[in-house]
Amino acid sequence: MTDGPSGPTPSNSHSGDSKRRWREGQTTFQRVYDVITGTSDYTSASDIADAADCSADGARDALSQLVEMGVAERREGRPATYRRNDSYFRWKRIEDLATNNSAAELRDRIEDLLAEDEDFQDRFDAPDPDAVSPETFETSDHDEIHDSWEALTRWRTVRRDLQLLQQAAHRAERGGDANDAASV
């Protein structure tokens, strides 16, 4: 609080200061990028502009570039709507894993996850998380139900990570071969 002419007045809020610093520290394109990466549902350019603290025209220009880059998807309509392109972010994650890890390191991580996956199959007597019987949750013990749900969530994460790591390992192996051939 600060003292104003008629007594104490509230000082700027932290969220207002943060938004101001965010706006001042980034270009319109960067702010729209930040907003679209968190947008999983199709959203209008004007709503994205509001969230990015910019004009609708500025948001449309940035969104056009992001669609062209593959970062965002556009759905035609009146108005056109946009959302992040999950395929782009999956590809980017695979590229990052392949670039920052050797194929051997990725294969080691894959082996660890395969062992964890096998443990879950044994625990739930099912080939995958979606095949777990609903009877697994027919107990009155809250802690047991909670533990089972957490285990299923972890199992789904293991399965997703396995797919990403396997693709990254293939990419790292191809990248290594290409780099070796290029340096000869």
Protein backbone atom coordinates (compact mmCIF):
# COMPACT_ATOMS: atom_id res chain seq x y z
CA MET A 1 0.00 0.00 0.00
CA THR A 2 1.09 3.54 -0.69
CA ASP A 3 -0.32 6.77 0.64
CA GLY A 4 -2.30 8.76 -1.87
CA PRO A 5 -4.05 12.09 -1.51
CA SER A 6 -6.98 10.47 0.26
CA GLY A 7 -5.06 7.91 2.32
CA PRO A 8 -3.67 4.46 1.62
CA THR A 9 -4.13 3.04 -1.90
CA PRO A 10 -3.27 -0.43 -3.13
CA SER A 11 0.08 -0.81 -4.87
CA ASN A 12 0.36 -2.54 -8.23
CA SER A 13 -0.49 -6.20 -8.02
CA HIS A 14 2.16 -8.80 -8.75
CA SER A 15 0.12 -10.26 -11.62
CA GLY A 16 -0.23 -6.84 -13.23
CA ASP A 17 3.51 -6.24 -12.88
CA SER A 18 4.28 -9.66 -14.32
CA LYS A 19 2.03 -9.12 -17.32
CA ARG A 20 3.55 -5.68 -17.93
CA ARG A 21 7.10 -7.09 -17.76
CA TRP A 22 6.06 -9.97 -20.04
CA ARG A 23 4.58 -7.51 -22.55
CA GLU A 24 7.57 -5.18 -22.42
CA GLY A 25 10.13 -7.99 -22.56
CA GLN A 26 8.75 -9.80 -25.58
CA THR A 27 7.59 -9.05 -29.10
CA THR A 28 4.00 -9.62 -30.17
CA PHE A 29 5.13 -12.75 -32.01
CA GLN A 30 6.79 -14.14 -28.86
CA ARG A 31 3.70 -13.45 -26.76
CA VAL A 32 1.39 -15.08 -29.32
CA TYR A 33 3.78 -18.05 -29.45
CA ASP A 34 3.60 -18.34 -25.65
CA VAL A 35 -0.20 -18.27 -25.74
CA ILE A 36 -0.64 -20.72 -28.64
CA THR A 37 1.70 -23.30 -27.08
CA GLY A 38 -0.73 -23.52 -24.17
CA THR A 39 -3.83 -23.62 -26.36
CA SER A 40 -5.19 -27.12 -26.96
CA ASP A 41 -8.71 -26.10 -28.01
CA TYR A 42 -9.42 -24.13 -31.16
CA THR A 43 -9.50 -20.46 -30.17
CA SER A 44 -10.20 -17.28 -32.13
CA ALA A 45 -7.44 -14.83 -32.99
CA SER A 46 -9.18 -12.14 -30.93
CA ASP A 47 -9.18 -14.35 -27.83
CA ILE A 48 -5.51 -15.17 -28.41
CA ALA A 49 -4.84 -11.43 -28.86
CA ASP A 50 -6.49 -10.73 -25.50
CA ALA A 51 -4.34 -13.35 -23.79
CA ALA A 52 -1.19 -12.14 -25.59
CA ASP A 53 -1.97 -8.49 -24.81
CA CYS A 54 -1.80 -7.39 -28.44
CA SER A 55 -4.09 -6.33 -31.26
CA ALA A 56 -6.18 -8.89 -33.14
CA ASP A 57 -4.33 -7.97 -36.36
CA GLY A 58 -0.98 -8.50 -34.63
CA ALA A 59 -2.16 -11.88 -33.35
CA ARG A 60 -3.41 -12.89 -36.82
CA ASP A 61 -0.05 -11.99 -38.38
CA ALA A 62 1.84 -14.00 -35.77
CA LEU A 63 -0.60 -16.90 -36.02
CA SER A 64 -0.19 -17.00 -39.81
CA GLN A 65 3.56 -17.34 -39.34
CA LEU A 66 3.12 -20.00 -36.66
CA VAL A 67 0.78 -22.00 -38.91
CA GLU A 68 3.31 -21.75 -41.73
CA MET A 69 6.06 -22.96 -39.35
CA GLY A 70 3.90 -25.90 -38.24
CA VAL A 71 3.69 -24.73 -34.63
CA ALA A 72 -0.05 -23.97 -34.83
CA GLU A 73 -3.05 -25.37 -36.68
CA ARG A 74 -5.76 -23.25 -38.28
CA ARG A 75 -9.37 -24.32 -38.63
CA GLU A 76 -11.29 -22.41 -41.27
CA GLY A 77 -14.54 -20.79 -40.30
CA ARG A 78 -15.98 -17.48 -39.29
CA PRO A 79 -13.91 -16.68 -37.42
CA ALA A 80 -10.92 -18.89 -38.15
CA THR A 81 -9.65 -20.57 -35.00
CA TYR A 82 -6.21 -21.77 -33.92
CA ARG A 83 -4.56 -24.20 -31.54
CA ARG A 84 -1.11 -25.65 -30.97
CA ASN A 85 0.00 -28.42 -33.32
CA ASP A 86 0.69 -31.34 -31.00
CA SER A 87 2.50 -33.21 -33.80
CA TYR A 88 5.04 -30.39 -34.04
CA PHE A 89 5.77 -30.51 -30.32
CA ARG A 90 6.06 -34.31 -30.40
CA TRP A 91 8.52 -34.04 -33.29
CA LYS A 92 10.46 -31.33 -31.44
CA ARG A 93 10.68 -33.50 -28.31
CA ILE A 94 12.01 -36.43 -30.34
CA GLU A 95 14.57 -34.19 -32.04
CA ASP A 96 15.70 -32.78 -28.68
CA LEU A 97 16.08 -36.27 -27.21
CA ALA A 98 18.02 -37.50 -30.26
CA THR A 99 20.27 -34.44 -30.28
CA ASN A 100 21.04 -34.37 -26.56
CA ASN A 101 21.50 -38.12 -25.98
CA SER A 102 23.44 -40.86 -27.66
CA ALA A 103 21.57 -43.79 -29.17
CA ALA A 104 23.12 -45.99 -26.45
CA GLU A 105 21.84 -43.71 -23.67
CA LEU A 106 18.37 -43.74 -25.20
CA ARG A 107 18.45 -47.54 -25.53
CA ASP A 108 19.39 -47.83 -21.83
CA ARG A 109 16.42 -45.66 -20.89
CA ILE A 110 14.19 -47.77 -23.16
CA GLU A 111 15.34 -50.95 -21.41
CA ASP A 112 14.51 -49.44 -18.01
CA LEU A 113 11.05 -48.45 -19.20
CA LEU A 114 10.43 -51.85 -20.79
CA ALA A 115 11.22 -53.49 -17.43
CA GLU A 116 8.84 -51.07 -15.69
CA ASP A 117 6.17 -51.80 -18.32
CA GLU A 118 6.56 -55.53 -17.72
CA ASP A 119 6.17 -54.99 -13.97
CA PHE A 120 2.89 -53.15 -14.59
CA GLN A 121 1.65 -55.94 -16.86
CA ASP A 122 2.36 -58.44 -14.09
CA ARG A 123 0.83 -56.24 -11.39
CA PHE A 124 -2.42 -55.66 -13.26
CA ASP A 125 -2.45 -58.96 -15.20
CA ALA A 126 -3.15 -56.98 -18.38
CA PRO A 127 -1.23 -56.28 -21.62
CA ASP A 128 -1.73 -52.50 -21.42
CA PRO A 129 -3.31 -49.86 -19.16
CA ASP A 130 -6.54 -49.72 -21.16
CA ALA A 131 -7.09 -53.45 -20.64
CA VAL A 132 -7.09 -53.23 -16.84
CA SER A 133 -10.29 -54.66 -15.45
CA PRO A 134 -12.66 -52.30 -13.63
CA GLU A 135 -12.75 -54.93 -10.88
CA THR A 136 -9.29 -53.65 -9.93
CA PHE A 137 -11.04 -50.66 -8.35
CA GLU A 138 -13.80 -52.56 -6.57
CA THR A 139 -12.46 -52.13 -3.08
CA SER A 140 -13.43 -49.95 -0.18
CA ASP A 141 -9.81 -49.16 0.67
CA HIS A 142 -9.29 -45.59 -0.51
CA ASP A 143 -5.48 -45.85 -0.36
CA GLU A 144 -5.50 -48.99 -2.51
CA ILE A 145 -7.72 -47.32 -5.14
CA HIS A 146 -5.52 -44.23 -5.10
CA ASP A 147 -2.36 -46.35 -5.52
CA SER A 148 -3.91 -48.24 -8.43
CA TRP A 149 -4.92 -45.03 -10.21
CA GLU A 150 -1.44 -43.59 -9.71
CA ALA A 151 0.10 -46.79 -11.06
CA LEU A 152 -2.15 -46.69 -14.14
CA THR A 153 -1.23 -43.07 -14.75
CA ARG A 154 2.45 -43.92 -14.46
CA TRP A 155 1.98 -46.91 -16.80
CA ARG A 156 0.42 -44.66 -19.45
CA THR A 157 3.37 -42.28 -19.05
CA VAL A 158 5.80 -45.19 -19.44
CA ARG A 159 4.04 -46.23 -22.66
CA ARG A 160 4.11 -42.68 -24.05
CA ASP A 161 7.77 -42.22 -23.10
CA LEU A 162 8.68 -45.56 -24.67
CA GLN A 163 7.26 -44.42 -28.00
CA LEU A 164 9.13 -41.12 -27.86
CA LEU A 165 12.41 -42.71 -26.79
CA GLN A 166 12.21 -45.42 -29.45
CA GLN A 167 11.68 -42.81 -32.14
CA ALA A 168 14.47 -40.67 -30.70
CA ALA A 169 16.85 -43.65 -30.60
CA HIS A 170 16.12 -44.38 -34.27
CA ARG A 171 16.67 -40.71 -35.05
CA ALA A 172 19.93 -40.62 -33.07
CA GLU A 173 21.17 -43.72 -34.90
CA ARG A 174 20.31 -42.23 -38.32
CA GLY A 175 21.80 -38.87 -37.29
CA GLY A 176 25.02 -40.50 -36.17
CA ASP A 177 25.32 -42.41 -39.44
CA ALA A 178 24.65 -39.28 -41.47
CA ASN A 179 27.21 -37.26 -39.48
CA ASP A 180 29.85 -40.00 -39.83
CA ALA A 181 29.27 -40.19 -43.59
CA ALA A 182 29.37 -36.42 -43.97
CA SER A 183 32.70 -36.10 -42.15
CA VAL A 184 34.49 -38.67 -44.37
